[in-house]
Amino acid sequence: MLTIEWSLASGWEKPCIKPLENLSLHPGSSSLHYAVEPSLGVKKPTKALLYVIMSPVGPYFASGSFNPISLWADPKYVRAWKGGTGDCKLGGNYGSSIYAQQEALELGCQQVLWLYGEDHQITEVGTMNLFLYWINEDGESELATPPLDGIILPGVTRQSILDLARNWGEFKVSERYITMSDLTAALEENRVKEMFGAGTACVVCPISKILYKGKHLHIPTMENGPQLTTRFLNKLSDIQYGREDSDWTVLVS
């Protein structure tokens, strides 16, 4: 495992890679309630520990590594809001989502498609960023993802996909708002090609169904290959595993 200690006085210490071991914490550590230092009460932390468990893992979803997932979209639950912490990698963002996730499972869906606002903007999928590959309203082939407006996590995989797509230059790439009305209209007009989630754990995950207002919306991701989703998965995996040279990777040893 990799560990890096931080303190307000000296900043980040030297990284250390060592065998996997248990963490030793003071019983008053505020990580058990607020942060990572021996302290009771709420205040700005002066110490922190960053640790990464470095180990191969199995598929993120029980259905398999690249099987399509189904989503439940209901505006009664909100993942994030303007002025909140939805654009930050914080445990609190995940804890509050478990209740909605359980309801999604009870309805036969694997993840929650988080909506926002009166117009039911599509934001994120569970803990993943969302991408839609479609023919937009102007008849253009477009890869679209919600913009970083304060409620969207600026994921590394999200940015990697945007950078790759823009470098390919084969279709329009946009960071734009997409509502459920936009999606349902595009489905009715057969303009949707693929939809997928993107994140560190799964890389990319195809989406095949959305339960919205009691109706199952079929997303034709798998019928279309999924050519683009698979292309992103292969490209990013090749870079991550060193099968392809990239400026994004650094040889450690």
Protein backbone atom coordinates (compact mmCIF):
# COMPACT_ATOMS: atom_id res chain seq x y z
CA MET A 1 0.00 0.00 0.00
CA LEU A 2 1.01 3.59 -0.57
CA THR A 3 0.87 6.06 2.32
CA ILE A 4 1.63 9.78 2.37
CA GLU A 5 1.32 11.82 5.55
CA TRP A 6 0.41 15.51 5.55
CA SER A 7 0.57 18.20 8.19
CA LEU A 8 -0.24 21.88 8.20
CA ALA A 9 3.26 22.64 9.43
CA SER A 10 5.33 20.73 6.86
CA GLY A 11 2.95 19.76 4.06
CA TRP A 12 3.20 16.38 2.32
CA GLU A 13 5.84 13.98 3.62
CA LYS A 14 7.84 11.48 1.55
CA PRO A 15 5.63 8.76 -0.03
CA CYS A 16 6.10 5.25 1.32
CA ILE A 17 5.18 1.95 -0.37
CA LYS A 18 4.99 -0.95 2.10
CA PRO A 19 3.15 -4.24 2.67
CA LEU A 20 -0.59 -4.01 3.33
CA GLU A 21 -1.20 -3.46 7.05
CA ASN A 22 -3.87 -2.25 9.43
CA LEU A 23 -4.13 1.47 10.10
CA SER A 24 -3.38 2.55 13.66
CA LEU A 25 -5.62 5.37 14.83
CA HIS A 26 -5.92 7.28 18.11
CA PRO A 27 -9.36 6.53 19.64
CA GLY A 28 -10.13 10.22 19.52
CA SER A 29 -9.18 10.56 15.85
CA SER A 30 -11.58 12.88 14.15
CA SER A 31 -11.57 10.56 11.13
CA LEU A 32 -14.12 8.65 13.18
CA HIS A 33 -16.32 11.73 13.11
CA TYR A 34 -14.82 14.65 11.16
CA ALA A 35 -11.18 14.47 9.92
CA VAL A 36 -7.87 12.60 10.59
CA GLU A 37 -6.22 13.81 13.80
CA PRO A 38 -6.64 13.40 17.58
CA SER A 39 -9.26 16.04 18.18
CA LEU A 40 -12.80 16.40 19.43
CA GLY A 41 -15.03 19.02 17.88
CA VAL A 42 -15.33 20.49 14.41
CA LYS A 43 -12.38 22.53 13.13
CA LYS A 44 -9.97 22.79 10.23
CA PRO A 45 -7.62 19.76 10.32
CA THR A 46 -3.86 20.17 10.71
CA LYS A 47 -2.91 16.58 9.81
CA ALA A 48 -4.06 14.01 7.25
CA LEU A 49 -3.07 10.63 5.83
CA LEU A 50 -3.52 9.72 2.20
CA TYR A 51 -3.38 5.98 1.58
CA VAL A 52 -4.00 3.90 -1.53
CA ILE A 53 -4.54 0.12 -1.48
CA MET A 54 -2.62 -1.10 -4.52
CA SER A 55 -4.16 -4.38 -5.59
CA PRO A 56 -5.99 -5.92 -8.55
CA VAL A 57 -9.77 -5.93 -8.13
CA GLY A 58 -12.66 -7.79 -9.66
CA PRO A 59 -15.57 -6.29 -11.65
CA TYR A 60 -17.11 -3.19 -10.07
CA PHE A 61 -20.64 -4.50 -10.69
CA ALA A 62 -21.82 -7.98 -9.78
CA SER A 63 -23.21 -8.36 -13.32
CA GLY A 64 -19.68 -8.39 -14.74
CA SER A 65 -16.98 -6.08 -16.01
CA PHE A 66 -18.64 -4.84 -19.20
CA ASN A 67 -22.27 -5.88 -18.96
CA PRO A 68 -24.84 -3.07 -19.37
CA ILE A 69 -26.55 -1.70 -16.29
CA SER A 70 -30.05 -0.37 -15.64
CA LEU A 71 -30.75 2.97 -13.94
CA TRP A 72 -33.54 4.42 -11.83
CA ALA A 73 -34.23 8.12 -12.40
CA ASP A 74 -36.48 9.85 -9.87
CA PRO A 75 -36.28 13.57 -9.01
CA LYS A 76 -37.37 13.01 -5.40
CA TYR A 77 -33.74 12.30 -4.49
CA VAL A 78 -30.94 14.79 -5.20
CA ARG A 79 -27.25 13.88 -5.09
CA ALA A 80 -25.84 17.42 -5.08
CA TRP A 81 -26.86 21.05 -5.28
CA LYS A 82 -25.32 24.42 -6.08
CA GLY A 83 -23.18 25.67 -3.22
CA GLY A 84 -22.71 22.16 -1.82
CA THR A 85 -19.88 19.63 -2.09
CA GLY A 86 -21.10 17.57 -5.05
CA ASP A 87 -18.01 18.50 -7.03
CA CYS A 88 -15.64 17.20 -4.33
CA LYS A 89 -14.45 13.66 -3.57
CA LEU A 90 -15.94 13.41 -0.07
CA GLY A 91 -17.35 10.46 1.81
CA GLY A 92 -20.42 12.45 2.74
CA ASN A 93 -21.48 12.56 -0.90
CA TYR A 94 -21.65 8.77 -0.97
CA GLY A 95 -23.18 8.09 2.44
CA SER A 96 -26.31 10.09 1.66
CA SER A 97 -26.84 8.20 -1.61
CA ILE A 98 -27.17 4.73 -0.08
CA TYR A 99 -30.89 5.09 0.70
CA ALA A 100 -31.76 5.95 -2.91
CA GLN A 101 -29.46 3.18 -4.15
CA GLN A 102 -31.34 0.63 -2.05
CA GLU A 103 -34.66 1.78 -3.51
CA ALA A 104 -33.22 1.46 -7.01
CA LEU A 105 -32.24 -2.15 -6.26
CA GLU A 106 -35.73 -2.91 -4.97
CA LEU A 107 -37.11 -1.65 -8.30
CA GLY A 108 -34.81 -3.95 -10.23
CA CYS A 109 -32.23 -1.32 -11.20
CA GLN A 110 -28.53 -1.41 -10.44
CA GLN A 111 -27.76 2.29 -10.08
CA VAL A 112 -29.38 5.70 -9.61
CA LEU A 113 -29.44 8.23 -12.43
CA TRP A 114 -29.27 11.47 -10.47
CA LEU A 115 -31.48 14.30 -11.71
CA TYR A 116 -31.36 17.99 -10.81
CA GLY A 117 -33.72 20.94 -11.13
CA GLU A 118 -37.25 21.43 -12.36
CA ASP A 119 -36.26 20.34 -15.86
CA HIS A 120 -34.76 17.07 -14.58
CA GLN A 121 -31.21 17.62 -15.76
CA ILE A 122 -29.18 14.43 -16.05
CA THR A 123 -26.10 14.73 -13.82
CA GLU A 124 -24.31 11.54 -12.69
CA VAL A 125 -24.80 7.77 -12.58
CA GLY A 126 -24.33 6.41 -9.08
CA THR A 127 -20.74 7.50 -8.42
CA MET A 128 -19.82 7.86 -12.09
CA ASN A 129 -19.80 10.68 -14.63
CA LEU A 130 -22.23 10.21 -17.50
CA PHE A 131 -21.72 10.38 -21.27
CA LEU A 132 -24.27 10.36 -24.10
CA TYR A 133 -23.29 9.62 -27.69
CA TRP A 134 -26.11 10.69 -29.99
CA ILE A 135 -27.28 12.70 -32.94
CA ASN A 136 -28.05 16.05 -31.34
CA GLU A 137 -30.85 18.49 -32.12
CA ASP A 138 -28.83 19.98 -34.99
CA GLY A 139 -28.21 16.63 -36.66
CA GLU A 140 -24.58 16.36 -35.50
CA SER A 141 -22.90 13.28 -34.07
CA GLU A 142 -22.02 14.42 -30.55
CA LEU A 143 -20.48 13.05 -27.37
CA ALA A 144 -22.00 15.03 -24.51
CA THR A 145 -21.47 15.10 -20.76
CA PRO A 146 -22.86 17.51 -18.12
CA PRO A 147 -20.70 20.60 -17.46
CA LEU A 148 -18.68 21.21 -14.30
CA ASP A 149 -21.11 23.68 -12.76
CA GLY A 150 -20.58 22.89 -9.09
CA ILE A 151 -22.61 19.67 -8.79
CA ILE A 152 -20.53 17.42 -11.07
CA LEU A 153 -17.38 15.66 -9.89
CA PRO A 154 -14.44 16.57 -12.17
CA GLY A 155 -13.37 12.95 -12.60
CA VAL A 156 -10.00 12.03 -14.11
CA THR A 157 -11.64 9.38 -16.33
CA ARG A 158 -14.18 11.99 -17.46
CA GLN A 159 -11.42 14.38 -18.52
CA SER A 160 -9.44 11.58 -20.15
CA ILE A 161 -12.43 10.64 -22.31
CA LEU A 162 -12.99 14.26 -23.31
CA ASP A 163 -9.31 14.68 -24.21
CA LEU A 164 -9.22 11.48 -26.26
CA ALA A 165 -12.42 12.33 -28.14
CA ARG A 166 -11.28 15.86 -28.92
CA ASN A 167 -7.93 14.56 -30.11
CA TRP A 168 -9.66 12.09 -32.45
CA GLY A 169 -11.69 14.92 -33.98
CA GLU A 170 -14.31 12.57 -35.42
CA PHE A 171 -17.43 14.04 -33.82
CA LYS A 172 -18.55 17.01 -31.76
CA VAL A 173 -17.54 16.88 -28.08
CA SER A 174 -19.59 18.98 -25.67
CA GLU A 175 -19.92 19.74 -21.99
CA ARG A 176 -23.58 20.70 -21.93
CA TYR A 177 -26.84 20.26 -20.05
CA ILE A 178 -28.99 17.27 -21.00
CA THR A 179 -32.50 16.87 -19.60
CA MET A 180 -34.71 13.82 -19.45
CA SER A 181 -36.94 15.54 -22.01
CA ASP A 182 -33.96 15.82 -24.36
CA LEU A 183 -33.19 12.14 -23.88
CA THR A 184 -36.73 10.84 -24.29
CA ALA A 185 -37.22 12.94 -27.45
CA ALA A 186 -33.97 11.59 -28.89
CA LEU A 187 -35.00 8.02 -28.09
CA GLU A 188 -38.35 8.50 -29.82
CA GLU A 189 -36.53 9.83 -32.90
CA ASN A 190 -33.88 7.05 -32.83
CA ARG A 191 -31.06 9.55 -32.31
CA VAL A 192 -29.42 7.88 -29.31
CA LYS A 193 -26.40 5.70 -30.09
CA GLU A 194 -24.73 4.92 -26.77
CA MET A 195 -24.84 5.98 -23.13
CA PHE A 196 -22.24 5.04 -20.53
CA GLY A 197 -20.89 5.87 -17.11
CA ALA A 198 -17.21 6.62 -16.52
CA GLY A 199 -15.11 6.40 -13.38
CA THR A 200 -11.92 5.12 -11.79
CA ALA A 201 -13.33 1.77 -10.67
CA CYS A 202 -15.13 0.65 -13.82
CA VAL A 203 -13.36 2.84 -16.43
CA VAL A 204 -16.50 2.84 -18.61
CA CYS A 205 -19.81 1.04 -18.08
CA PRO A 206 -22.54 0.74 -20.76
CA ILE A 207 -26.13 1.69 -19.92
CA SER A 208 -29.06 -0.23 -21.42
CA LYS A 209 -32.18 0.82 -19.51
CA ILE A 210 -33.59 3.73 -17.49
CA LEU A 211 -36.68 3.51 -15.30
CA TYR A 212 -38.26 6.98 -15.37
CA LYS A 213 -41.78 7.95 -14.28
CA GLY A 214 -42.78 4.30 -14.17
CA LYS A 215 -41.65 3.64 -17.74
CA HIS A 216 -38.65 1.63 -18.89
CA LEU A 217 -36.62 3.53 -21.48
CA HIS A 218 -34.47 1.28 -23.63
CA ILE A 219 -31.03 2.70 -24.43
CA PRO A 220 -29.61 1.02 -27.58
CA THR A 221 -26.01 1.04 -26.35
CA MET A 222 -25.34 -2.65 -26.89
CA GLU A 223 -27.11 -2.74 -30.26
CA ASN A 224 -24.59 -0.18 -31.48
CA GLY A 225 -21.58 -2.29 -30.57
CA PRO A 226 -21.10 -0.55 -28.24
CA GLN A 227 -18.43 0.77 -30.60
CA LEU A 228 -17.49 4.02 -28.87
CA THR A 229 -17.77 2.73 -25.30
CA THR A 230 -15.57 -0.26 -26.17
CA ARG A 231 -13.09 2.00 -27.93
CA PHE A 232 -12.69 4.16 -24.82
CA LEU A 233 -12.34 1.09 -22.59
CA ASN A 234 -9.63 -0.44 -24.77
CA LYS A 235 -7.75 2.83 -25.21
CA LEU A 236 -7.73 3.75 -21.52
CA SER A 237 -6.87 0.19 -20.44
CA ASP A 238 -3.95 0.05 -22.87
CA ILE A 239 -2.59 3.29 -21.44
CA GLN A 240 -3.12 2.23 -17.83
CA TYR A 241 -1.39 -1.12 -18.30
CA GLY A 242 1.50 0.28 -20.32
CA ARG A 243 0.56 -1.40 -23.58
CA GLU A 244 0.50 2.04 -25.20
CA ASP A 245 2.87 4.93 -24.56
CA SER A 246 1.25 8.08 -23.26
CA ASP A 247 2.15 11.38 -21.64
CA TRP A 248 -0.37 10.45 -18.93
CA THR A 249 1.82 7.67 -17.54
CA VAL A 250 5.17 7.75 -15.73
CA LEU A 251 7.42 4.71 -15.36
CA VAL A 252 8.12 4.32 -11.63
CA SER A 253 10.55 1.38 -11.68
